[in-house]
Amino acid sequence: MKLIYLKIQKYKNIEDIELVFDQNHEVTLLHMEDKKDSKKKAFYLEIKNKEKQDSEKLNIFDCNVSFNAIVGENGTGKTNVLETICNLNQEKLSEDNLIFKVYKKDDIYYYLINDNDKTLYIHSSSDSIKEEKIKPFEELSSYSTIFYSEIPTKNVIEYRQLKNISFWKEVQKVQLKYIKKHINNNFNKESVLYLDEDYDFNSEIEEVSLNYSINKVKSEMQLNQLYLEHELKYYPNIEKKINKVLFEVTHEKFAQVDIHNVEEVTSCIISIVFSEYIDESLLKYDKDSLKENKQTLLGLKDFLDENLNIGLEEERKINFQDIRKEIKSITYTDLIDYEFLNNKLKDIKLFEDEYTKFIERIENDIDIEDDNESLIIAKKRFCTKKFIESLFPFIKYGIFNLKWELELSTGEESLMYFFSRLFQTFRKNPSIKNYIIVVDEIEAYLHPNWQKNFIKSINDFLKLKEFEDYNFNIIMTTHSPFVLSDLEDKDIIYLEKNENGYSKNSSNEIVIDTFGSNIHELLSHSFFMDDELPIGTFAKSKIEEVIKLLNKNSELIQEEHLLCIKIISIIGEPVLQERLWSMYHSKIKNSESKSKSNLLEIKEYLEKQTK
């Protein structure tokens, strides 16, 4: 599936703009009078295939992957375009704010309009797409949009067909849950129901919850990356490799638990999972309902405390069957979801079996380094695929931390997180095979070498055998010339501001052969730099100061000589440096009234700098 056309009538700083994402198509969308009701708004739509050579139509990437980039200065509306693609905030649009899209999947075209009250007339002629091949978006099934951004923002909502995998979105979700639990345990429980992402928390709880949330999200990312290696044999293009894994339990209930004791660990997991379920159930009912059913729920809690091996001197084997019977005996109340709890018990039993094997592998390792009761340092190969799978159902409870014994930079973490979260999304949604992946400035934390490798890395990842029946359309904003040099010019949309400050699509006016282009040539283009010299503004100002001194009619004083020598000697661009040295020597040669001592001093300095 691919987005081929986007029309935005009015959205934030965008006004009346058309964007074509597939140059093999020509889309015409016009306002017209409704034939049946003159008071209604209507549109005329025509889609044509452009006549092109087969070589021009060829996708240089793998057949299931296509790329588009949106570029422009800050404030030109790049992120706003991504928001309209993702349908972010479109519930706030007025009836005049038309957002119209056309997608293509196989040989069928699907149109999406943000106002169902508008009438659409499809024009079909001998050289355009037939009407029967153009269908409303509602008929398109099995697709999803994935949104990813490195930029912390509150504008990260989710809905059924949008998967937001941004790091800060995940942190925000975990933090909100943490704070709700804190308020539930310490304040009026009813207040928890009214919390949202804009709630103003005190700074202390916000700081604690933020640190907890960041660590939890990173731990989940690392667990996903280990699973990705097992499942797909894929590891991002990073030199550092994972050799050892730190496995620790972080929940407060594990304070007195030996992490090597399988029964104690399993008991704690049951207690945590069921206690959280009971607490959440109590919150769902009003006070009158609680009077009747509270004892039932608390009775289940007491039963678990009595029968689990937590804080007992003698070891006691966990009897899963007894727990199931106790749950089943109280399902006559609407407070208990037996199926949910029974499935959780199955997950816990699977974890117990895999954790037993994990501990056996650790204990049989002659190179074991640590017998800490709360932390295990294990070789990566001990974390088998089945063991990693058994941990996934309990990530949400903040029970475990599975971390690599490896220090990663922000950029390395960014790449790891991006690919592991993509894989996690695909794994959780096996029925979805068509994705539009929207990425906002992936290069934000990436070293130029990783920017250079990004397109190839994501292409290599998405062409893995496991995804051969998938289709991916990647749409990204970027400022990186390294990213652009891996894309064809036809796949790039150039945005500028018009005289009124609104976004303007300048793609038809700008001709840059981006693919395989030298990044210096890209940067020197007037679209990216309004100067001929693509250097920092401060360096440019100092060079201009030197040029001004060398061009003035009067002679240079000693301080001006030294400034010219200093600036010219540190310029990295050889052609510019050579030209300025030539200007400087000409200036000295023409000087006749210099004192001998000053000239000697300058000459010595000059010789040192130019050796």
Foldseek 3Di string as FASTA:
>chain_A
DAWAKKFWCDDDQAHGAIDGQDPQKDKDKDWDADPVDRVATEIEIWMFGDDDDPVVNDDPFPPQEAEFAEEADPLQCPVVVVCLVQVQPVVVDDPRGWIKTWDDDDQAIEIEISDPRYHYHYDDDPRTDDPVRYYYPVPDDQEAEEEEEADDDPSQDDDDRYHYLYLNVQLLVQLLVVVLVVCCVPHDNLVSVPDDSPDDDDPVSSVVSSVLSNLLLLLVLVLLLLLCCQPQVDDFPDPDDFWKKKKFWDDPLCPPFQLLDLQQLLLVLLLLVLVVLLSVLCSVDDPVVCVVCVCVSVVLNVVSVVQGPRPDPDDDHHDLVVNLVSLVVPVVDPSGDSVVSVVVSVLSVLLSVLSNQLSVVQVPDPPFDDSDRGMGMGTSVSCHSSNSVSCVVCSSSRTMGIGTPDDDDPLSSLVSSVLSSVVVVCVVSVSRQEYEYEYEASCPPPDLVCLLCVVVRVSVSCVRPVNVSHHYYYYYYYLDLSNQQCDALSSYWYWDADPVSHIHTCSVVDDDGSHNDDSVVVCCDCSNPVDNDNDDPVLVVLVVVLVVQLPDPDADDLVNLVSLLVSLLPDPPVVSSVVSVVSSVVRVVPDDPDDPVSVVVSVVVNVVSVD
